[in-house]
Protein backbone atom coordinates (compact mmCIF):
# COMPACT_ATOMS: atom_id res chain seq x y z
CA UNK A 1 -24.49 32.01 -78.88
CA UNK A 2 -21.50 31.52 -76.64
CA UNK A 3 -21.96 29.05 -73.80
CA UNK A 4 -19.77 28.74 -70.72
CA UNK A 5 -20.20 25.26 -69.33
CA UNK A 6 -19.26 24.65 -65.76
CA UNK A 7 -18.83 21.15 -64.65
CA UNK A 8 -16.29 21.66 -61.86
CA UNK A 9 -13.96 18.87 -62.87
CA UNK A 10 -13.85 19.89 -66.49
CA UNK A 11 -13.18 23.50 -65.56
CA UNK A 12 -10.36 22.52 -63.32
CA UNK A 13 -12.12 24.09 -60.29
CA UNK A 14 -11.51 22.20 -57.10
CA UNK A 15 -14.57 21.60 -54.87
CA UNK A 16 -14.01 20.34 -51.32
CA UNK A 17 -15.49 16.98 -50.56
CA UNK A 18 -19.25 17.30 -49.82
CA UNK A 19 -19.21 20.98 -48.77
CA UNK A 20 -22.49 22.00 -47.16
CA UNK A 21 -24.42 25.19 -47.91
CA UNK A 22 -23.55 27.83 -45.36
CA UNK A 23 -25.69 30.81 -44.58
CA UNK A 24 -24.26 34.17 -43.37
CA UNK A 25 -26.92 35.64 -40.98
CA UNK A 26 -28.36 38.97 -41.92
CA UNK A 27 -27.02 39.22 -45.39
CA UNK A 28 -29.84 37.68 -47.44
CA UNK A 29 -33.54 38.61 -47.51
CA UNK A 30 -36.35 36.31 -48.62
CA UNK A 31 -37.98 38.13 -51.52
CA UNK A 32 -40.38 35.39 -52.82
CA UNK A 33 -41.67 32.10 -51.62
CA UNK A 34 -44.42 29.72 -52.78
CA UNK A 35 -44.92 26.62 -50.63
CA UNK A 36 -48.18 25.49 -52.26
CA UNK A 37 -49.56 24.38 -48.90
CA UNK A 38 -52.87 26.19 -49.54
CA UNK A 39 -53.05 25.39 -53.28
CA UNK A 40 -54.44 28.06 -55.56
CA UNK A 41 -57.33 30.46 -54.94
CA UNK A 42 -59.00 31.81 -58.09
CA UNK A 43 -56.07 30.53 -60.09
CA UNK A 44 -53.42 32.24 -57.94
CA UNK A 45 -50.85 30.88 -55.43
CA UNK A 46 -50.06 33.25 -52.58
CA UNK A 47 -46.47 34.40 -51.94
CA UNK A 48 -45.72 33.45 -48.33
CA UNK A 49 -42.66 35.74 -48.17
CA UNK A 50 -44.95 38.74 -47.59
CA UNK A 51 -43.76 40.48 -50.72
CA UNK A 52 -47.05 39.88 -52.51
CA UNK A 53 -45.92 38.28 -55.76
CA UNK A 54 -48.71 35.78 -56.42
CA UNK A 55 -48.13 33.02 -59.01
CA UNK A 56 -50.86 32.79 -61.61
CA UNK A 57 -51.63 29.33 -62.96
CA UNK A 58 -51.61 29.24 -66.78
CA UNK A 59 -52.60 26.18 -68.87
CA UNK A 60 -52.96 25.09 -72.46
CA UNK A 61 -54.48 22.06 -74.21
CA UNK A 62 -56.40 20.91 -71.12
CA UNK A 63 -53.32 21.05 -68.87
CA UNK A 64 -53.89 21.15 -65.11
CA UNK A 65 -51.66 21.91 -62.14
CA UNK A 66 -52.74 19.65 -59.27
CA UNK A 67 -52.07 20.76 -55.71
CA UNK A 68 -51.59 17.61 -53.64
CA UNK A 69 -49.91 17.12 -50.30
CA UNK A 70 -48.56 20.65 -50.20
CA UNK A 71 -46.88 20.41 -53.60
CA UNK A 72 -47.74 21.40 -57.22
CA UNK A 73 -47.84 18.58 -59.76
CA UNK A 74 -47.53 19.39 -63.43
CA UNK A 75 -49.04 17.55 -66.51
CA UNK A 76 -47.51 14.24 -67.66
CA UNK A 77 -45.13 13.95 -70.55
CA UNK A 78 -46.57 14.02 -74.04
CA UNK A 79 -47.47 10.61 -75.45
CA UNK A 80 -45.74 9.45 -78.60
CA UNK A 81 -47.76 10.45 -81.66
CA UNK A 82 -50.07 12.82 -79.79
CA UNK A 83 -51.20 15.89 -81.76
CA UNK A 84 -51.68 18.05 -78.66
CA UNK A 85 -50.06 17.82 -75.20
CA UNK A 86 -51.46 19.06 -71.88
CA UNK A 87 -49.23 21.91 -70.63
CA UNK A 88 -49.12 24.14 -67.63
CA UNK A 89 -46.89 26.69 -65.91
CA UNK A 90 -47.12 29.34 -63.22
CA UNK A 91 -46.19 32.94 -63.63
CA UNK A 92 -45.34 35.90 -61.30
CA UNK A 93 -45.14 39.46 -62.63
CA UNK A 94 -41.88 41.34 -62.96
CA UNK A 95 -40.68 42.81 -59.67
CA UNK A 96 -37.60 44.72 -58.59
CA UNK A 97 -36.67 42.06 -56.01
CA UNK A 98 -36.43 39.44 -58.79
CA UNK A 99 -33.94 41.55 -60.80
CA UNK A 100 -30.76 41.14 -58.74
CA UNK A 101 -28.40 43.07 -60.97
CA UNK A 102 -24.85 42.16 -59.70
CA UNK A 103 -26.01 41.34 -56.14
CA UNK A 104 -25.89 38.09 -54.18
CA UNK A 105 -28.89 36.05 -55.28
CA UNK A 106 -30.28 32.61 -54.63
CA UNK A 107 -33.18 30.76 -56.21
CA UNK A 108 -34.32 27.38 -55.10
CA UNK A 109 -37.02 24.65 -55.49
CA UNK A 110 -37.71 21.16 -54.27
CA UNK A 111 -38.39 18.69 -57.07
CA UNK A 112 -39.72 15.16 -57.35
CA UNK A 113 -39.91 13.24 -60.57
CA UNK A 114 -38.84 9.99 -62.16
CA UNK A 115 -36.71 9.40 -65.25
CA UNK A 116 -39.91 8.50 -67.11
CA UNK A 117 -41.29 12.01 -66.36
CA UNK A 118 -38.27 13.65 -68.03
CA UNK A 119 -38.89 14.02 -71.75
CA UNK A 120 -35.88 16.28 -72.33
CA UNK A 121 -34.69 19.52 -70.87
CA UNK A 122 -37.16 20.78 -68.24
CA UNK A 123 -37.40 24.34 -67.01
CA UNK A 124 -37.99 24.48 -63.23
CA UNK A 125 -37.94 28.28 -62.87
CA UNK A 126 -36.59 31.20 -64.86
CA UNK A 127 -36.81 34.95 -65.27
CA UNK A 128 -35.82 36.38 -68.67
CA UNK A 129 -34.60 34.64 -71.81
CA UNK A 130 -31.06 34.00 -72.96
CA UNK A 131 -31.24 35.93 -76.22
CA UNK A 132 -33.06 39.02 -75.03
CA UNK A 133 -32.02 41.14 -72.09
CA UNK A 134 -30.73 38.84 -69.33
CA UNK A 135 -31.78 35.75 -67.43
CA UNK A 136 -31.47 33.59 -64.28
CA UNK A 137 -32.67 30.05 -64.64
CA UNK A 138 -32.84 26.59 -63.05
CA UNK A 139 -33.48 23.54 -65.23
CA UNK A 140 -32.90 19.85 -65.73
CA UNK A 141 -30.67 19.56 -68.78
CA UNK A 142 -31.29 16.88 -71.45
CA UNK A 143 -32.30 13.41 -70.39
CA UNK A 144 -29.57 12.72 -67.84
CA UNK A 145 -31.69 13.96 -64.93
CA UNK A 146 -29.05 16.37 -63.61
CA UNK A 147 -29.89 20.00 -62.65
CA UNK A 148 -28.13 23.12 -63.78
CA UNK A 149 -28.19 26.82 -63.11
CA UNK A 150 -27.78 29.40 -65.83
CA UNK A 151 -27.26 33.13 -65.95
CA UNK A 152 -26.97 35.71 -68.76
CA UNK A 153 -25.98 39.27 -68.26
CA UNK A 154 -27.42 42.41 -69.77
CA UNK A 155 -25.78 43.19 -73.11
CA UNK A 156 -24.01 39.86 -73.41
CA UNK A 157 -24.81 36.72 -75.43
CA UNK A 158 -22.78 34.43 -73.14
CA UNK A 159 -24.71 31.86 -71.14
CA UNK A 160 -22.92 30.73 -67.97
CA UNK A 161 -23.99 27.34 -66.65
CA UNK A 162 -23.16 25.58 -63.40
CA UNK A 163 -23.88 21.88 -63.94
CA UNK A 164 -24.43 19.44 -61.11
CA UNK A 165 -22.18 16.41 -60.80
CA UNK A 166 -23.17 13.20 -59.05
CA UNK A 167 -26.38 11.25 -59.12
CA UNK A 168 -29.41 12.51 -61.06
CA UNK A 169 -32.47 13.88 -59.23
CA UNK A 170 -34.90 11.84 -61.23
CA UNK A 171 -35.25 8.98 -58.69
CA UNK A 172 -38.81 9.67 -57.52
CA UNK A 173 -37.58 11.21 -54.26
CA UNK A 174 -37.68 14.85 -53.16
CA UNK A 175 -34.50 16.85 -53.81
CA UNK A 176 -33.70 20.44 -53.07
CA UNK A 177 -31.96 22.40 -55.84
CA UNK A 178 -30.41 25.70 -55.09
CA UNK A 179 -28.71 28.11 -57.46
CA UNK A 180 -26.50 30.89 -56.10
CA UNK A 181 -24.80 33.82 -57.72
CA UNK A 182 -22.29 35.46 -55.41
CA UNK A 183 -19.71 37.80 -56.86
CA UNK A 184 -17.82 35.86 -59.59
CA UNK A 185 -19.13 32.40 -58.66
CA UNK A 186 -22.28 30.71 -59.91
CA UNK A 187 -22.93 27.59 -57.74
CA UNK A 188 -25.42 24.73 -57.71
CA UNK A 189 -26.29 22.78 -54.54
CA UNK A 190 -28.30 19.57 -54.44
CA UNK A 191 -29.73 18.73 -51.06
CA UNK A 192 -27.54 21.49 -49.51
CA UNK A 193 -24.28 19.96 -50.96
CA UNK A 194 -22.21 21.85 -53.53
CA UNK A 195 -22.28 19.96 -56.78
CA UNK A 196 -20.93 22.41 -59.38
CA UNK A 197 -19.57 25.87 -59.98
CA UNK A 198 -18.82 28.32 -62.78
CA UNK A 199 -16.81 31.51 -62.85
CA UNK A 200 -18.73 34.53 -64.17
CA UNK A 201 -17.83 38.22 -64.58
CA UNK A 202 -18.22 40.39 -61.49
CA UNK A 203 -20.01 42.88 -63.67
CA UNK A 204 -22.62 40.45 -64.95
CA UNK A 205 -25.96 42.12 -64.25
CA UNK A 206 -29.36 40.47 -64.40
CA UNK A 207 -32.29 42.82 -64.92
CA UNK A 208 -35.28 42.48 -67.25
CA UNK A 209 -38.98 43.27 -67.43
CA UNK A 210 -40.16 39.67 -68.05
CA UNK A 211 -42.21 37.64 -65.62
CA UNK A 212 -40.92 34.80 -63.47
CA UNK A 213 -42.13 31.47 -64.78
CA UNK A 214 -42.23 28.19 -62.94
CA UNK A 215 -42.62 24.82 -64.68
CA UNK A 216 -41.96 25.99 -68.23
CA UNK A 217 -40.70 28.92 -70.32
CA UNK A 218 -43.82 29.39 -72.47
CA UNK A 219 -46.36 27.43 -74.48
CA UNK A 220 -44.38 27.20 -77.72
CA UNK A 221 -43.99 23.90 -79.42
CA UNK A 222 -40.61 23.39 -77.92
CA UNK A 223 -40.75 24.97 -74.44
CA UNK A 224 -38.99 22.46 -72.10
CA UNK A 225 -41.98 21.86 -69.83
CA UNK A 226 -41.48 20.35 -66.40
CA UNK A 227 -43.56 17.20 -65.73
CA UNK A 228 -42.98 16.37 -62.08
CA UNK A 229 -43.86 17.92 -58.75
CA UNK A 230 -42.47 21.11 -57.21
CA UNK A 231 -42.48 22.47 -53.70
CA UNK A 232 -40.95 25.38 -51.72
CA UNK A 233 -39.98 27.62 -54.62
CA UNK A 234 -38.19 30.67 -53.33
CA UNK A 235 -35.72 33.47 -54.00
CA UNK A 236 -33.33 35.41 -51.72
CA UNK A 237 -31.56 38.70 -52.39
CA UNK A 238 -28.45 40.12 -50.77
């Protein structure tokens, strides 16, 4: 599988000092949002964007998602030598608004976790898989505690990744992570500051029939589960 890694300095792409995220009024529509303020009712978290895409809570091996203080807390990391590990994720069904094609698209979440809660790569949110169809994804890569954004286009094996530079987000404080695909640029913002970019094809199209998953890709043995707390998960489409 080809991988296009995008740490701005390594790619030779210049990023202005501490550029802030700028919005262009009227060009993006909120298409999904889960703020977790009301927790879950009958195992479902309401979509406060008004689009109606509820998140269903799914668990395995006695995993539990706890809704505390307006956030969703996922099961702890697996203990060394444990034969089973509590796991949980949340899932929204496939929807046209979550398949951006080549359009301007943002996906974002607020995260809180410590380094001890990071057992390896951790999926925050994703729709699609890299080796089948197409994908957009936000994750914490490896054990360094830095976020990255990834996209894969229909009909291509290449994974394009924008990696965040700077301090990790695993300091026990709340941090906003935002991924943006706009034209030929994939960007990652941490707390509204641009931290990395990658160049992608203008023709890269993301469209698949798979659900959106939050907190993990699946319940396979190696599924990069997220073990911290999440809040204000949303997507915007241009």
